[in-house]
């Protein structure tokens, strides 16, 4: 386990991107452990989650702008009781 001060991380953030073992972050003024940082064994779960839940999301042929406008109009209708 490595011990690193907060200032050292501020100077060299690449330490966090290339860690292979646990790092203990220490506040040297107060002499106490602030955090424990563990190396990432898996880079991203986003692709896994999107694959797992992709069938639950309805496909749409509307553009993102149209979806935002539709959502805003629906929210305003619900909030203020407007009818279209």
C-alpha atoms as a PDB file:
ATOM      1  CA  UNK A   1       0.000   0.000   0.000  1.00  0.00           C
ATOM      2  CA  UNK A   2       1.306   3.431  -0.975  1.00  0.00           C
ATOM      3  CA  UNK A   3       0.842   6.587   1.113  1.00  0.00           C
ATOM      4  CA  UNK A   4       0.530   9.879  -0.765  1.00  0.00           C
ATOM      5  CA  UNK A   5      -0.203  13.399   0.447  1.00  0.00           C
ATOM      6  CA  UNK A   6      -2.951  15.568  -1.005  1.00  0.00           C
ATOM      7  CA  UNK A   7      -0.426  18.053  -2.391  1.00  0.00           C
ATOM      8  CA  UNK A   8       1.406  15.329  -4.275  1.00  0.00           C
ATOM      9  CA  UNK A   9      -1.810  14.304  -6.007  1.00  0.00           C
ATOM     10  CA  UNK A  10      -2.551  17.922  -6.923  1.00  0.00           C
ATOM     11  CA  UNK A  11       0.896  18.215  -8.505  1.00  0.00           C
ATOM     12  CA  UNK A  12       0.768  14.883 -10.304  1.00  0.00           C
ATOM     13  CA  UNK A  13      -2.712  13.546 -11.045  1.00  0.00           C
ATOM     14  CA  UNK A  14      -1.357  10.837 -13.346  1.00  0.00           C
ATOM     15  CA  UNK A  15      -0.580   8.857 -10.189  1.00  0.00           C
ATOM     16  CA  UNK A  16      -4.290   8.074  -9.933  1.00  0.00           C
ATOM     17  CA  UNK A  17      -4.695   6.954 -13.532  1.00  0.00           C
ATOM     18  CA  UNK A  18      -1.892   4.410 -13.417  1.00  0.00           C
ATOM     19  CA  UNK A  19      -2.281   2.830  -9.981  1.00  0.00           C
ATOM     20  CA  UNK A  20      -1.808  -0.891  -9.575  1.00  0.00           C
ATOM     21  CA  UNK A  21      -2.108  -1.118  -5.803  1.00  0.00           C
ATOM     22  CA  UNK A  22      -4.092   0.585  -3.060  1.00  0.00           C
ATOM     23  CA  UNK A  23      -3.176   4.206  -2.287  1.00  0.00           C
ATOM     24  CA  UNK A  24      -3.749   5.805   1.102  1.00  0.00           C
ATOM     25  CA  UNK A  25      -4.284   9.583   0.797  1.00  0.00           C
ATOM     26  CA  UNK A  26      -3.047  11.446   3.864  1.00  0.00           C
ATOM     27  CA  UNK A  27      -3.569  14.992   5.093  1.00  0.00           C
ATOM     28  CA  UNK A  28      -0.057  15.745   6.309  1.00  0.00           C
ATOM     29  CA  UNK A  29      -1.056  18.791   8.374  1.00  0.00           C
ATOM     30  CA  UNK A  30      -3.651  16.953  10.444  1.00  0.00           C
ATOM     31  CA  UNK A  31      -1.785  13.645  10.170  1.00  0.00           C
ATOM     32  CA  UNK A  32      -4.821  11.554   9.329  1.00  0.00           C
ATOM     33  CA  UNK A  33      -6.031   9.338   6.499  1.00  0.00           C
ATOM     34  CA  UNK A  34      -8.421  11.162   4.200  1.00  0.00           C
ATOM     35  CA  UNK A  35      -9.199   8.419   1.671  1.00  0.00           C
ATOM     36  CA  UNK A  36      -8.309   5.011   0.359  1.00  0.00           C
ATOM     37  CA  UNK A  37      -8.109   4.654  -3.424  1.00  0.00           C
ATOM     38  CA  UNK A  38      -8.312   1.226  -4.993  1.00  0.00           C
ATOM     39  CA  UNK A  39      -7.269   0.351  -8.549  1.00  0.00           C
ATOM     40  CA  UNK A  40     -10.033  -0.159 -11.086  1.00  0.00           C
ATOM     41  CA  UNK A  41     -10.332  -3.753 -12.175  1.00  0.00           C
ATOM     42  CA  UNK A  42     -12.952  -2.982 -14.800  1.00  0.00           C
ATOM     43  CA  UNK A  43     -12.738   0.157 -16.906  1.00  0.00           C
ATOM     44  CA  UNK A  44     -16.402   0.901 -17.488  1.00  0.00           C
ATOM     45  CA  UNK A  45     -19.762  -0.597 -16.657  1.00  0.00           C
ATOM     46  CA  UNK A  46     -21.625   1.721 -19.025  1.00  0.00           C
ATOM     47  CA  UNK A  47     -21.448  -0.677 -21.957  1.00  0.00           C
ATOM     48  CA  UNK A  48     -22.549  -3.580 -19.803  1.00  0.00           C
ATOM     49  CA  UNK A  49     -25.482  -1.659 -18.386  1.00  0.00           C
ATOM     50  CA  UNK A  50     -26.587  -0.334 -21.741  1.00  0.00           C
ATOM     51  CA  UNK A  51     -26.466  -3.862 -23.100  1.00  0.00           C
ATOM     52  CA  UNK A  52     -28.462  -5.220 -20.186  1.00  0.00           C
ATOM     53  CA  UNK A  53     -31.176  -2.548 -20.218  1.00  0.00           C
ATOM     54  CA  UNK A  54     -31.279  -1.632 -23.901  1.00  0.00           C
ATOM     55  CA  UNK A  55     -34.504  -3.578 -24.470  1.00  0.00           C
ATOM     56  CA  UNK A  56     -36.331  -1.655 -21.725  1.00  0.00           C
ATOM     57  CA  UNK A  57     -35.894   1.682 -23.499  1.00  0.00           C
ATOM     58  CA  UNK A  58     -38.349   2.519 -26.247  1.00  0.00           C
ATOM     59  CA  UNK A  59     -36.727   3.417 -29.535  1.00  0.00           C
ATOM     60  CA  UNK A  60     -37.692   6.802 -30.943  1.00  0.00           C
ATOM     61  CA  UNK A  61     -37.408   8.393 -34.350  1.00  0.00           C
ATOM     62  CA  UNK A  62     -37.586  11.908 -32.858  1.00  0.00           C
ATOM     63  CA  UNK A  63     -34.474  14.067 -32.618  1.00  0.00           C
ATOM     64  CA  UNK A  64     -32.990  14.958 -29.253  1.00  0.00           C
ATOM     65  CA  UNK A  65     -34.284  18.519 -29.587  1.00  0.00           C
ATOM     66  CA  UNK A  66     -37.832  17.279 -30.216  1.00  0.00           C
ATOM     67  CA  UNK A  67     -37.617  14.913 -27.255  1.00  0.00           C
ATOM     68  CA  UNK A  68     -36.519  17.771 -24.974  1.00  0.00           C
ATOM     69  CA  UNK A  69     -39.363  20.004 -26.189  1.00  0.00           C
ATOM     70  CA  UNK A  70     -41.901  17.208 -25.735  1.00  0.00           C
ATOM     71  CA  UNK A  71     -40.636  16.472 -22.225  1.00  0.00           C
ATOM     72  CA  UNK A  72     -40.734  20.146 -21.240  1.00  0.00           C
ATOM     73  CA  UNK A  73     -44.288  20.556 -22.567  1.00  0.00           C
ATOM     74  CA  UNK A  74     -45.434  17.439 -20.695  1.00  0.00           C
ATOM     75  CA  UNK A  75     -43.806  18.633 -17.464  1.00  0.00           C
ATOM     76  CA  UNK A  76     -45.442  22.062 -17.778  1.00  0.00           C
ATOM     77  CA  UNK A  77     -48.832  20.450 -18.448  1.00  0.00           C
ATOM     78  CA  UNK A  78     -48.487  18.307 -15.338  1.00  0.00           C
ATOM     79  CA  UNK A  79     -47.281  21.175 -13.175  1.00  0.00           C
ATOM     80  CA  UNK A  80     -49.748  23.865 -14.271  1.00  0.00           C
ATOM     81  CA  UNK A  81     -52.648  21.679 -15.411  1.00  0.00           C
ATOM     82  CA  UNK A  82     -52.573  22.960 -18.967  1.00  0.00           C
ATOM     83  CA  UNK A  83     -54.330  21.052 -21.722  1.00  0.00           C
ATOM     84  CA  UNK A  84     -52.997  20.952 -25.249  1.00  0.00           C
END
